[in-house]
Amino acid sequence: MAVQTRTIKRRIKSVKNTRKITKAMEMVAASKMRKAVNSVIGSRPYSKLAWNTVKSIGSRVDMSLHPLLRKEETAKNVLVLLITSDKGLAGGFNTNILRRTKKIMEELGEGVNIQTICIGKRGADAMRRMNRGIMASFVDITNNTTFEEVLPIGRMVIDEFTKGNVDKVFVAYTDFVSAVSQNPLILELLPLGTEEDMEQIGEVTEVDKGKEKTYLEAKEYTFEPSPQLVLNQILPRLVETMVYQAVLESAASEHSARMMAMRSATDAAGEMLDDLTFTFNQARQAGITQEIAEISSGKAALEG
């Protein structure tokens, strides 16, 4: 019985230490989440306006004016920009976006050549296991993300599309909705995706939708000094902005998912401690009862 109580004591100590670790990780994730959420909320209106601007321009100007406006009827070469985390312990954050990415790759068919650009170690590892080509891999991007860090990635995507190396570009990331809700999304970045894509990102009110619809219904654009020069400047910047926004959304979602996962682990450790303490008290009481019984039996034997 003494051996059993010592074993339970060791387990209680181990669970207490684990709970301290998960609680600390929850607090760290919460701190990172607040910073990431402030960044994503602050930049989201600009990114949505940028996307709508690109869509509106693309639907009203000659596609031959800029390579980013070209459209291919059939896509033989596809590039997927996959954004995941570098570390685990984030619940289903990586699993959900990887499942969506695998599904879209299967839907594209066997005859399509698919290349990936991976932001995050977990995504790169998954692509290697799936035997998918990795054009480039980046780590340590989702912590304290800056536009300067993401800019080379956006330019790489633009270069691959404008040179004709790829016919379509998808961005796979996790959209931040709230601290307890994250939505894995795959958007068609190039050629310019549908207007409905942006309605999936974040919380869009009916008033905002009305404003966006009014904006998109503009009938004419005036370019100064010329459409070619304006598009050369604005279109690459807007695509780079969308890549940056996707990274911000994914970073906020990652820290939120990790915070909730660590909170659940802390709560589970607390429940386990309660069960172990109850079991320990039962074992100790049983030991005391047994000792009393043995003493009583010994006394009765001596008196007899």
Protein backbone atom coordinates (compact mmCIF):
# COMPACT_ATOMS: atom_id res chain seq x y z
CA MET A 1 0.00 0.00 0.00
CA ALA A 2 2.90 2.34 0.83
CA VAL A 3 4.32 1.72 -2.64
CA GLN A 4 0.99 2.67 -4.22
CA THR A 5 0.74 5.96 -2.31
CA ARG A 6 4.33 6.88 -3.27
CA THR A 7 3.51 6.23 -6.92
CA ILE A 8 0.42 8.42 -6.73
CA LYS A 9 2.45 11.17 -5.02
CA ARG A 10 4.97 11.13 -7.86
CA ARG A 11 2.16 11.37 -10.42
CA ILE A 12 0.58 14.27 -8.55
CA LYS A 13 3.92 16.11 -8.52
CA SER A 14 4.42 15.43 -12.24
CA VAL A 15 0.93 16.68 -13.15
CA LYS A 16 1.42 19.82 -11.02
CA ASN A 17 4.65 20.60 -12.89
CA THR A 18 2.93 20.00 -16.23
CA ARG A 19 0.09 22.32 -15.23
CA LYS A 20 2.59 25.07 -14.39
CA ILE A 21 4.17 24.70 -17.84
CA THR A 22 0.87 24.73 -19.73
CA LYS A 23 -0.32 27.74 -17.72
CA ALA A 24 2.87 29.62 -18.55
CA MET A 25 2.54 28.71 -22.24
CA GLU A 26 -1.08 29.88 -22.19
CA MET A 27 -0.03 33.27 -20.80
CA VAL A 28 2.75 33.64 -23.38
CA ALA A 29 0.38 32.74 -26.21
CA ALA A 30 -2.22 35.18 -24.87
CA SER A 31 0.35 37.99 -24.87
CA LYS A 32 1.41 37.20 -28.45
CA MET A 33 -2.21 36.83 -29.50
CA ARG A 34 -3.15 40.32 -28.31
CA LYS A 35 -0.34 41.86 -30.33
CA ALA A 36 -1.12 39.77 -33.41
CA VAL A 37 -4.86 40.53 -33.20
CA ASN A 38 -4.19 44.26 -32.98
CA SER A 39 -2.07 44.01 -36.13
CA VAL A 40 -4.57 41.96 -38.09
CA ILE A 41 -7.56 44.11 -37.16
CA GLY A 42 -5.67 47.28 -37.95
CA SER A 43 -4.60 46.14 -41.42
CA ARG A 44 -7.73 44.18 -42.44
CA PRO A 45 -9.78 47.16 -43.76
CA TYR A 46 -6.87 48.30 -45.94
CA SER A 47 -6.32 44.77 -47.27
CA LYS A 48 -9.99 44.33 -48.12
CA LEU A 49 -10.02 47.65 -49.92
CA ALA A 50 -6.85 46.62 -51.77
CA TRP A 51 -8.44 43.33 -52.85
CA ASN A 52 -11.61 45.06 -54.00
CA THR A 53 -9.56 47.63 -55.89
CA VAL A 54 -7.67 44.91 -57.73
CA LYS A 55 -10.88 43.05 -58.57
CA SER A 56 -12.59 46.18 -59.77
CA ILE A 57 -9.66 47.21 -61.94
CA GLY A 58 -9.27 43.70 -63.31
CA SER A 59 -12.91 43.57 -64.41
CA ARG A 60 -12.79 46.89 -66.26
CA VAL A 61 -9.42 47.26 -67.95
CA ASP A 62 -7.76 45.35 -70.76
CA MET A 63 -6.03 42.25 -69.35
CA SER A 64 -3.13 42.78 -71.72
CA LEU A 65 -2.13 45.94 -69.86
CA HIS A 66 -0.39 43.99 -67.10
CA PRO A 67 0.86 40.38 -66.66
CA LEU A 68 -0.95 40.05 -63.31
CA LEU A 69 -4.27 40.44 -65.11
CA ARG A 70 -3.77 37.54 -67.51
CA LYS A 71 -6.06 34.54 -67.23
CA GLU A 72 -5.46 31.02 -68.51
CA GLU A 73 -8.43 28.81 -69.39
CA THR A 74 -6.63 25.69 -68.16
CA ALA A 75 -4.06 25.66 -65.37
CA LYS A 76 -1.20 23.20 -65.90
CA ASN A 77 1.14 24.72 -63.30
CA VAL A 78 -0.16 25.79 -59.90
CA LEU A 79 1.62 27.45 -57.00
CA VAL A 80 0.26 27.10 -53.45
CA LEU A 81 1.44 29.53 -50.79
CA LEU A 82 0.92 27.49 -47.59
CA ILE A 83 1.02 29.26 -44.22
CA THR A 84 1.33 27.14 -41.07
CA SER A 85 3.19 27.39 -37.77
CA ASP A 86 6.77 26.51 -36.90
CA LYS A 87 5.76 24.74 -33.68
CA GLY A 88 2.99 22.44 -32.54
CA LEU A 89 0.86 22.45 -29.39
CA ALA A 90 -1.77 24.56 -31.16
CA GLY A 91 -4.71 22.16 -31.23
CA GLY A 92 -6.06 21.55 -34.72
CA PHE A 93 -4.54 24.71 -36.21
CA ASN A 94 -2.10 22.99 -38.56
CA THR A 95 -4.21 19.88 -39.12
CA ASN A 96 -7.21 21.85 -40.40
CA ILE A 97 -5.34 23.96 -42.97
CA LEU A 98 -3.26 20.99 -44.15
CA ARG A 99 -6.44 18.95 -44.65
CA ARG A 100 -7.94 21.75 -46.76
CA THR A 101 -4.73 22.10 -48.76
CA LYS A 102 -4.56 18.37 -49.45
CA LYS A 103 -8.17 18.43 -50.62
CA ILE A 104 -7.66 21.30 -53.09
CA MET A 105 -4.53 19.58 -54.44
CA GLU A 106 -6.51 16.40 -55.05
CA GLU A 107 -9.28 18.39 -56.77
CA LEU A 108 -6.76 19.97 -59.16
CA GLY A 109 -6.04 16.51 -60.57
CA GLU A 110 -3.01 14.37 -61.28
CA GLY A 111 -2.11 16.15 -64.53
CA VAL A 112 -1.43 19.47 -62.79
CA ASN A 113 2.09 20.33 -61.66
CA ILE A 114 1.80 21.71 -58.11
CA GLN A 115 4.61 23.64 -56.43
CA THR A 116 4.47 25.08 -52.92
CA ILE A 117 5.98 27.96 -51.01
CA CYS A 118 5.81 27.09 -47.33
CA ILE A 119 5.75 29.60 -44.49
CA GLY A 120 6.14 27.57 -41.33
CA LYS A 121 8.04 24.38 -40.58
CA ARG A 122 4.93 22.25 -40.09
CA GLY A 123 3.65 22.92 -43.58
CA ALA A 124 7.02 22.18 -45.18
CA ASP A 125 7.27 18.87 -43.30
CA ALA A 126 3.77 17.90 -44.45
CA MET A 127 4.53 18.73 -48.10
CA ARG A 128 7.66 16.56 -47.96
CA ARG A 129 5.63 13.66 -46.59
CA MET A 130 3.13 14.16 -49.43
CA ASN A 131 5.99 14.27 -51.98
CA ARG A 132 4.95 17.74 -53.17
CA GLY A 133 7.52 20.06 -54.70
CA ILE A 134 8.71 22.85 -52.40
CA MET A 135 9.92 25.94 -54.21
CA ALA A 136 10.92 27.76 -51.03
CA SER A 137 10.48 27.39 -47.28
CA PHE A 138 10.50 30.11 -44.62
CA VAL A 139 10.54 29.90 -40.82
CA ASP A 140 10.25 32.39 -37.95
CA ILE A 141 7.92 34.60 -39.97
CA THR A 142 4.71 34.38 -37.93
CA ASN A 143 6.23 35.84 -34.75
CA ASN A 144 6.34 39.64 -34.80
CA THR A 145 5.56 39.67 -38.52
CA THR A 146 6.74 42.73 -40.43
CA PHE A 147 5.96 43.76 -44.00
CA GLU A 148 9.70 43.76 -44.81
CA GLU A 149 9.93 40.06 -43.91
CA VAL A 150 6.97 39.09 -46.08
CA LEU A 151 7.83 41.35 -49.02
CA PRO A 152 10.35 38.93 -50.66
CA ILE A 153 7.73 36.17 -50.51
CA GLY A 154 5.15 38.34 -52.23
CA ARG A 155 7.65 39.32 -54.92
CA MET A 156 8.55 35.67 -55.48
CA VAL A 157 4.88 34.81 -56.04
CA ILE A 158 4.46 37.74 -58.44
CA ASP A 159 7.62 36.86 -60.38
CA GLU A 160 6.57 33.23 -60.84
CA PHE A 161 3.19 34.29 -62.19
CA THR A 162 4.35 37.15 -64.44
CA LYS A 163 7.08 34.98 -65.98
CA GLY A 164 4.46 32.38 -66.88
CA ASN A 165 5.99 29.66 -64.70
CA VAL A 166 2.63 29.16 -62.98
CA ASP A 167 -0.91 29.66 -64.23
CA LYS A 168 -2.61 29.99 -60.84
CA VAL A 169 -1.57 30.96 -57.34
CA PHE A 170 -3.51 29.88 -54.26
CA VAL A 171 -2.86 31.09 -50.73
CA ALA A 172 -3.76 28.64 -47.95
CA TYR A 173 -3.95 30.14 -44.49
CA THR A 174 -6.13 30.30 -41.37
CA ASP A 175 -8.41 33.29 -41.12
CA PHE A 176 -8.80 34.84 -37.66
CA VAL A 177 -12.44 35.19 -36.60
CA SER A 178 -12.16 35.27 -32.81
CA ALA A 179 -10.05 33.86 -29.98
CA VAL A 180 -12.08 30.65 -30.05
CA SER A 181 -12.80 30.45 -33.79
CA GLN A 182 -10.36 30.24 -36.69
CA ASN A 183 -11.37 29.44 -40.26
CA PRO A 184 -8.98 27.63 -42.66
CA LEU A 185 -9.25 29.26 -46.10
CA ILE A 186 -7.81 28.75 -49.56
CA LEU A 187 -8.13 31.79 -51.80
CA GLU A 188 -7.21 32.15 -55.45
CA LEU A 189 -4.70 34.98 -55.34
CA LEU A 190 -3.62 35.01 -59.00
CA PRO A 191 -5.20 35.40 -61.44
CA LEU A 192 -7.40 37.67 -59.43
CA GLY A 193 -9.93 35.66 -57.41
CA THR A 194 -13.64 36.16 -57.06
CA GLU A 195 -15.27 38.98 -55.15
CA GLU A 196 -16.92 36.42 -52.87
CA ASP A 197 -13.51 35.38 -51.52
CA MET A 198 -13.18 38.50 -49.40
CA GLU A 199 -16.59 37.92 -47.79
CA GLN A 200 -15.07 34.88 -46.08
CA ILE A 201 -12.38 36.91 -44.33
CA GLY A 202 -13.14 38.13 -40.82
CA GLU A 203 -16.41 39.66 -39.71
CA VAL A 204 -18.07 41.58 -42.56
CA THR A 205 -21.23 43.43 -41.59
CA GLU A 206 -24.13 44.09 -43.96
CA VAL A 207 -23.21 47.78 -43.96
CA ASP A 208 -19.64 46.93 -44.99
CA LYS A 209 -20.91 44.64 -47.74
CA GLY A 210 -23.08 47.47 -49.03
CA LYS A 211 -20.11 49.81 -49.13
CA GLU A 212 -17.98 47.23 -50.92
CA LYS A 213 -20.73 46.59 -53.47
CA THR A 214 -21.08 50.32 -54.15
CA TYR A 215 -17.32 50.58 -54.57
CA LEU A 216 -17.17 47.67 -56.98
CA GLU A 217 -19.94 49.13 -59.11
CA ALA A 218 -17.76 52.03 -60.22
CA LYS A 219 -18.19 52.29 -63.98
CA GLU A 220 -14.97 53.95 -65.06
CA TYR A 221 -11.39 54.50 -63.99
CA THR A 222 -9.16 57.38 -65.03
CA PHE A 223 -5.43 56.62 -65.05
CA GLU A 224 -2.77 59.31 -64.82
CA PRO A 225 -0.27 59.46 -66.42
CA SER A 226 -1.21 56.17 -68.18
CA PRO A 227 -2.88 52.86 -67.35
CA GLN A 228 0.36 50.95 -67.91
CA LEU A 229 2.39 53.03 -65.45
CA VAL A 230 -0.35 53.05 -62.81
CA LEU A 231 -0.94 49.31 -63.00
CA ASN A 232 2.80 48.62 -62.87
CA GLN A 233 2.90 50.44 -59.55
CA ILE A 234 -0.38 49.47 -57.91
CA LEU A 235 -0.99 45.82 -58.80
CA PRO A 236 2.23 44.30 -57.38
CA ARG A 237 1.83 46.36 -54.18
CA LEU A 238 -1.73 45.18 -53.70
CA VAL A 239 -0.83 41.52 -54.20
CA GLU A 240 2.04 41.91 -51.72
CA THR A 241 -0.42 43.43 -49.27
CA MET A 242 -2.72 40.43 -49.59
CA VAL A 243 0.15 38.03 -48.88
CA TYR A 244 1.11 40.09 -45.84
CA GLN A 245 -2.48 40.10 -44.59
CA ALA A 246 -2.71 36.32 -44.97
CA VAL A 247 0.41 35.91 -42.80
CA LEU A 248 -1.03 38.26 -40.17
CA GLU A 249 -4.33 36.38 -40.14
CA SER A 250 -2.53 33.07 -39.76
CA ALA A 251 -0.29 34.40 -36.96
CA ALA A 252 -3.26 35.67 -34.95
CA SER A 253 -5.05 32.35 -35.49
CA GLU A 254 -1.98 30.35 -34.44
CA HIS A 255 -1.51 32.20 -31.15
CA SER A 256 -5.24 32.03 -30.41
CA ALA A 257 -5.36 28.29 -31.11
CA ARG A 258 -2.28 27.68 -28.94
CA MET A 259 -3.72 29.75 -26.10
CA MET A 260 -6.97 27.75 -26.15
CA ALA A 261 -5.09 24.44 -26.43
CA MET A 262 -2.91 25.29 -23.42
CA ARG A 263 -5.96 26.45 -21.48
CA SER A 264 -7.66 23.13 -22.18
CA ALA A 265 -4.50 21.28 -21.13
CA THR A 266 -4.33 23.29 -17.89
CA ASP A 267 -7.97 22.53 -17.12
CA ALA A 268 -7.43 18.85 -17.89
CA ALA A 269 -4.41 18.79 -15.56
CA GLY A 270 -6.52 20.32 -12.80
CA GLU A 271 -9.18 17.65 -13.24
CA MET A 272 -6.51 14.96 -13.22
CA LEU A 273 -5.09 16.37 -9.99
CA ASP A 274 -8.51 16.19 -8.38
CA ASP A 275 -8.87 12.53 -9.41
CA LEU A 276 -5.34 11.66 -8.25
CA THR A 277 -5.84 13.42 -4.92
CA PHE A 278 -9.09 11.52 -4.37
CA THR A 279 -7.36 8.22 -5.24
CA PHE A 280 -4.45 9.08 -2.95
CA ASN A 281 -6.78 9.83 -0.04
CA GLN A 282 -8.61 6.55 -0.64
CA ALA A 283 -5.35 4.60 -0.68
CA ARG A 284 -4.11 6.34 2.45
CA GLN A 285 -7.40 5.70 4.25
CA ALA A 286 -7.28 2.07 3.20
CA GLY A 287 -3.76 1.81 4.57
CA ILE A 288 -4.78 3.34 7.88
CA THR A 289 -7.78 1.03 8.12
CA GLN A 290 -5.57 -1.98 7.42
CA GLU A 291 -3.06 -0.94 10.09
CA ILE A 292 -5.85 -0.49 12.64
CA ALA A 293 -7.22 -3.91 11.74
CA GLU A 294 -3.78 -5.50 12.14
CA ILE A 295 -3.25 -3.84 15.54
CA SER A 296 -6.69 -4.98 16.72
CA SER A 297 -6.01 -8.52 15.51
CA GLY A 298 -2.64 -8.57 17.27
CA LYS A 299 -4.12 -7.31 20.52
CA ALA A 300 -6.90 -9.90 20.37
CA ALA A 301 -4.33 -12.65 19.75
CA LEU A 302 -2.26 -11.59 22.78
CA GLU A 303 -5.29 -11.41 25.03
CA GLY A 304 -6.44 -14.81 23.85
